[in-house]
Protein backbone atom coordinates (compact mmCIF):
# COMPACT_ATOMS: atom_id res chain seq x y z
CA UNK A 1 0.00 0.00 0.00
CA UNK A 2 1.32 3.42 -0.97
CA UNK A 3 1.74 5.91 1.85
CA UNK A 4 0.83 9.56 1.65
CA UNK A 5 4.53 10.46 1.57
CA UNK A 6 5.07 8.08 -1.37
CA UNK A 7 2.25 9.81 -3.25
CA UNK A 8 3.71 13.25 -2.50
CA UNK A 9 7.16 12.12 -3.65
CA UNK A 10 5.69 10.74 -6.88
CA UNK A 11 3.83 14.01 -7.61
CA UNK A 12 6.92 16.11 -6.83
CA UNK A 13 9.06 13.97 -9.15
CA UNK A 14 6.50 14.27 -11.96
CA UNK A 15 6.41 18.06 -11.46
CA UNK A 16 10.20 18.32 -11.52
CA UNK A 17 10.43 16.11 -14.62
CA UNK A 18 7.73 18.16 -16.42
CA UNK A 19 9.57 21.46 -15.96
CA UNK A 20 12.94 19.89 -16.76
CA UNK A 21 11.50 18.72 -20.08
CA UNK A 22 9.75 22.04 -20.71
CA UNK A 23 13.02 24.01 -20.45
CA UNK A 24 15.23 21.34 -22.06
CA UNK A 25 17.66 22.74 -24.60
CA UNK A 26 17.17 26.36 -23.55
CA UNK A 27 19.43 28.49 -21.40
CA UNK A 28 16.74 30.15 -19.30
CA UNK A 29 17.87 32.11 -16.22
CA UNK A 30 16.91 30.30 -13.00
CA UNK A 31 14.74 33.16 -11.72
CA UNK A 32 12.65 33.09 -14.92
CA UNK A 33 12.29 29.31 -14.72
CA UNK A 34 11.12 29.59 -11.14
CA UNK A 35 8.60 32.35 -11.92
CA UNK A 36 7.27 30.55 -14.98
CA UNK A 37 6.87 27.30 -13.03
CA UNK A 38 5.05 29.10 -10.21
CA UNK A 39 2.65 30.74 -12.65
CA UNK A 40 1.95 27.41 -14.35
CA UNK A 41 1.30 25.69 -11.02
CA UNK A 42 -0.86 28.54 -9.69
CA UNK A 43 -3.11 28.71 -12.72
CA UNK A 44 -3.15 25.02 -13.67
CA UNK A 45 -1.30 25.57 -16.94
CA UNK A 46 -0.18 22.13 -18.12
CA UNK A 47 0.97 22.42 -21.73
CA UNK A 48 4.59 21.36 -22.27
CA UNK A 49 5.35 24.50 -24.32
CA UNK A 50 3.65 26.91 -21.92
CA UNK A 51 6.45 27.34 -19.34
CA UNK A 52 8.93 28.34 -22.04
CA UNK A 53 6.39 30.66 -23.69
CA UNK A 54 5.71 32.34 -20.35
CA UNK A 55 9.45 32.75 -19.66
CA UNK A 56 9.92 34.30 -23.12
CA UNK A 57 7.05 36.76 -22.68
CA UNK A 58 8.27 37.82 -19.22
CA UNK A 59 11.81 38.30 -20.55
CA UNK A 60 10.56 40.31 -23.52
CA UNK A 61 8.36 42.58 -21.38
CA UNK A 62 11.15 43.17 -18.84
CA UNK A 63 13.73 43.82 -21.54
CA UNK A 64 15.89 40.86 -20.50
CA UNK A 65 15.28 38.78 -23.59
CA UNK A 66 14.04 38.95 -27.15
CA UNK A 67 11.04 36.64 -26.73
CA UNK A 68 12.74 34.00 -28.86
CA UNK A 69 14.67 32.11 -26.18
CA UNK A 70 17.61 34.51 -26.14
CA UNK A 71 18.10 35.95 -22.67
CA UNK A 72 20.36 38.73 -21.42
CA UNK A 73 22.21 38.27 -18.18
CA UNK A 74 20.24 39.59 -15.25
C-alpha atoms as a PDB file:
ATOM      1  CA  UNK A   1       0.000   0.000   0.000  1.00  0.00           C
ATOM      2  CA  UNK A   2       1.315   3.416  -0.973  1.00  0.00           C
ATOM      3  CA  UNK A   3       1.737   5.912   1.845  1.00  0.00           C
ATOM      4  CA  UNK A   4       0.834   9.557   1.654  1.00  0.00           C
ATOM      5  CA  UNK A   5       4.530  10.459   1.566  1.00  0.00           C
ATOM      6  CA  UNK A   6       5.071   8.082  -1.365  1.00  0.00           C
ATOM      7  CA  UNK A   7       2.251   9.812  -3.252  1.00  0.00           C
ATOM      8  CA  UNK A   8       3.712  13.246  -2.499  1.00  0.00           C
ATOM      9  CA  UNK A   9       7.157  12.115  -3.647  1.00  0.00           C
ATOM     10  CA  UNK A  10       5.693  10.740  -6.885  1.00  0.00           C
ATOM     11  CA  UNK A  11       3.834  14.007  -7.606  1.00  0.00           C
ATOM     12  CA  UNK A  12       6.921  16.108  -6.828  1.00  0.00           C
ATOM     13  CA  UNK A  13       9.056  13.975  -9.149  1.00  0.00           C
ATOM     14  CA  UNK A  14       6.504  14.272 -11.958  1.00  0.00           C
ATOM     15  CA  UNK A  15       6.410  18.059 -11.461  1.00  0.00           C
ATOM     16  CA  UNK A  16      10.202  18.322 -11.524  1.00  0.00           C
ATOM     17  CA  UNK A  17      10.428  16.108 -14.623  1.00  0.00           C
ATOM     18  CA  UNK A  18       7.734  18.157 -16.416  1.00  0.00           C
ATOM     19  CA  UNK A  19       9.566  21.458 -15.965  1.00  0.00           C
ATOM     20  CA  UNK A  20      12.943  19.886 -16.756  1.00  0.00           C
ATOM     21  CA  UNK A  21      11.503  18.715 -20.077  1.00  0.00           C
ATOM     22  CA  UNK A  22       9.753  22.044 -20.712  1.00  0.00           C
ATOM     23  CA  UNK A  23      13.017  24.008 -20.447  1.00  0.00           C
ATOM     24  CA  UNK A  24      15.234  21.337 -22.061  1.00  0.00           C
ATOM     25  CA  UNK A  25      17.662  22.742 -24.605  1.00  0.00           C
ATOM     26  CA  UNK A  26      17.172  26.362 -23.553  1.00  0.00           C
ATOM     27  CA  UNK A  27      19.435  28.495 -21.404  1.00  0.00           C
ATOM     28  CA  UNK A  28      16.744  30.153 -19.295  1.00  0.00           C
ATOM     29  CA  UNK A  29      17.873  32.105 -16.217  1.00  0.00           C
ATOM     30  CA  UNK A  30      16.906  30.302 -13.004  1.00  0.00           C
ATOM     31  CA  UNK A  31      14.736  33.156 -11.717  1.00  0.00           C
ATOM     32  CA  UNK A  32      12.647  33.091 -14.924  1.00  0.00           C
ATOM     33  CA  UNK A  33      12.295  29.310 -14.721  1.00  0.00           C
ATOM     34  CA  UNK A  34      11.121  29.592 -11.141  1.00  0.00           C
ATOM     35  CA  UNK A  35       8.596  32.352 -11.922  1.00  0.00           C
ATOM     36  CA  UNK A  36       7.268  30.550 -14.984  1.00  0.00           C
ATOM     37  CA  UNK A  37       6.869  27.302 -13.031  1.00  0.00           C
ATOM     38  CA  UNK A  38       5.047  29.096 -10.205  1.00  0.00           C
ATOM     39  CA  UNK A  39       2.647  30.742 -12.646  1.00  0.00           C
ATOM     40  CA  UNK A  40       1.952  27.410 -14.346  1.00  0.00           C
ATOM     41  CA  UNK A  41       1.297  25.691 -11.015  1.00  0.00           C
ATOM     42  CA  UNK A  42      -0.856  28.542  -9.686  1.00  0.00           C
ATOM     43  CA  UNK A  43      -3.112  28.711 -12.723  1.00  0.00           C
ATOM     44  CA  UNK A  44      -3.151  25.020 -13.672  1.00  0.00           C
ATOM     45  CA  UNK A  45      -1.296  25.565 -16.937  1.00  0.00           C
ATOM     46  CA  UNK A  46      -0.178  22.127 -18.121  1.00  0.00           C
ATOM     47  CA  UNK A  47       0.972  22.417 -21.729  1.00  0.00           C
ATOM     48  CA  UNK A  48       4.587  21.356 -22.274  1.00  0.00           C
ATOM     49  CA  UNK A  49       5.350  24.503 -24.317  1.00  0.00           C
ATOM     50  CA  UNK A  50       3.653  26.914 -21.921  1.00  0.00           C
ATOM     51  CA  UNK A  51       6.452  27.341 -19.336  1.00  0.00           C
ATOM     52  CA  UNK A  52       8.933  28.338 -22.041  1.00  0.00           C
ATOM     53  CA  UNK A  53       6.395  30.656 -23.685  1.00  0.00           C
ATOM     54  CA  UNK A  54       5.714  32.342 -20.352  1.00  0.00           C
ATOM     55  CA  UNK A  55       9.446  32.753 -19.662  1.00  0.00           C
ATOM     56  CA  UNK A  56       9.919  34.300 -23.116  1.00  0.00           C
ATOM     57  CA  UNK A  57       7.054  36.760 -22.676  1.00  0.00           C
ATOM     58  CA  UNK A  58       8.272  37.825 -19.224  1.00  0.00           C
ATOM     59  CA  UNK A  59      11.806  38.301 -20.546  1.00  0.00           C
ATOM     60  CA  UNK A  60      10.561  40.314 -23.524  1.00  0.00           C
ATOM     61  CA  UNK A  61       8.361  42.577 -21.383  1.00  0.00           C
ATOM     62  CA  UNK A  62      11.148  43.167 -18.843  1.00  0.00           C
ATOM     63  CA  UNK A  63      13.733  43.817 -21.544  1.00  0.00           C
ATOM     64  CA  UNK A  64      15.890  40.865 -20.501  1.00  0.00           C
ATOM     65  CA  UNK A  65      15.276  38.779 -23.594  1.00  0.00           C
ATOM     66  CA  UNK A  66      14.035  38.950 -27.153  1.00  0.00           C
ATOM     67  CA  UNK A  67      11.042  36.643 -26.730  1.00  0.00           C
ATOM     68  CA  UNK A  68      12.742  33.999 -28.863  1.00  0.00           C
ATOM     69  CA  UNK A  69      14.674  32.109 -26.176  1.00  0.00           C
ATOM     70  CA  UNK A  70      17.609  34.507 -26.137  1.00  0.00           C
ATOM     71  CA  UNK A  71      18.103  35.951 -22.673  1.00  0.00           C
ATOM     72  CA  UNK A  72      20.362  38.730 -21.424  1.00  0.00           C
ATOM     73  CA  UNK A  73      22.214  38.273 -18.181  1.00  0.00           C
ATOM     74  CA  UNK A  74      20.245  39.588 -15.249  1.00  0.00           C
END
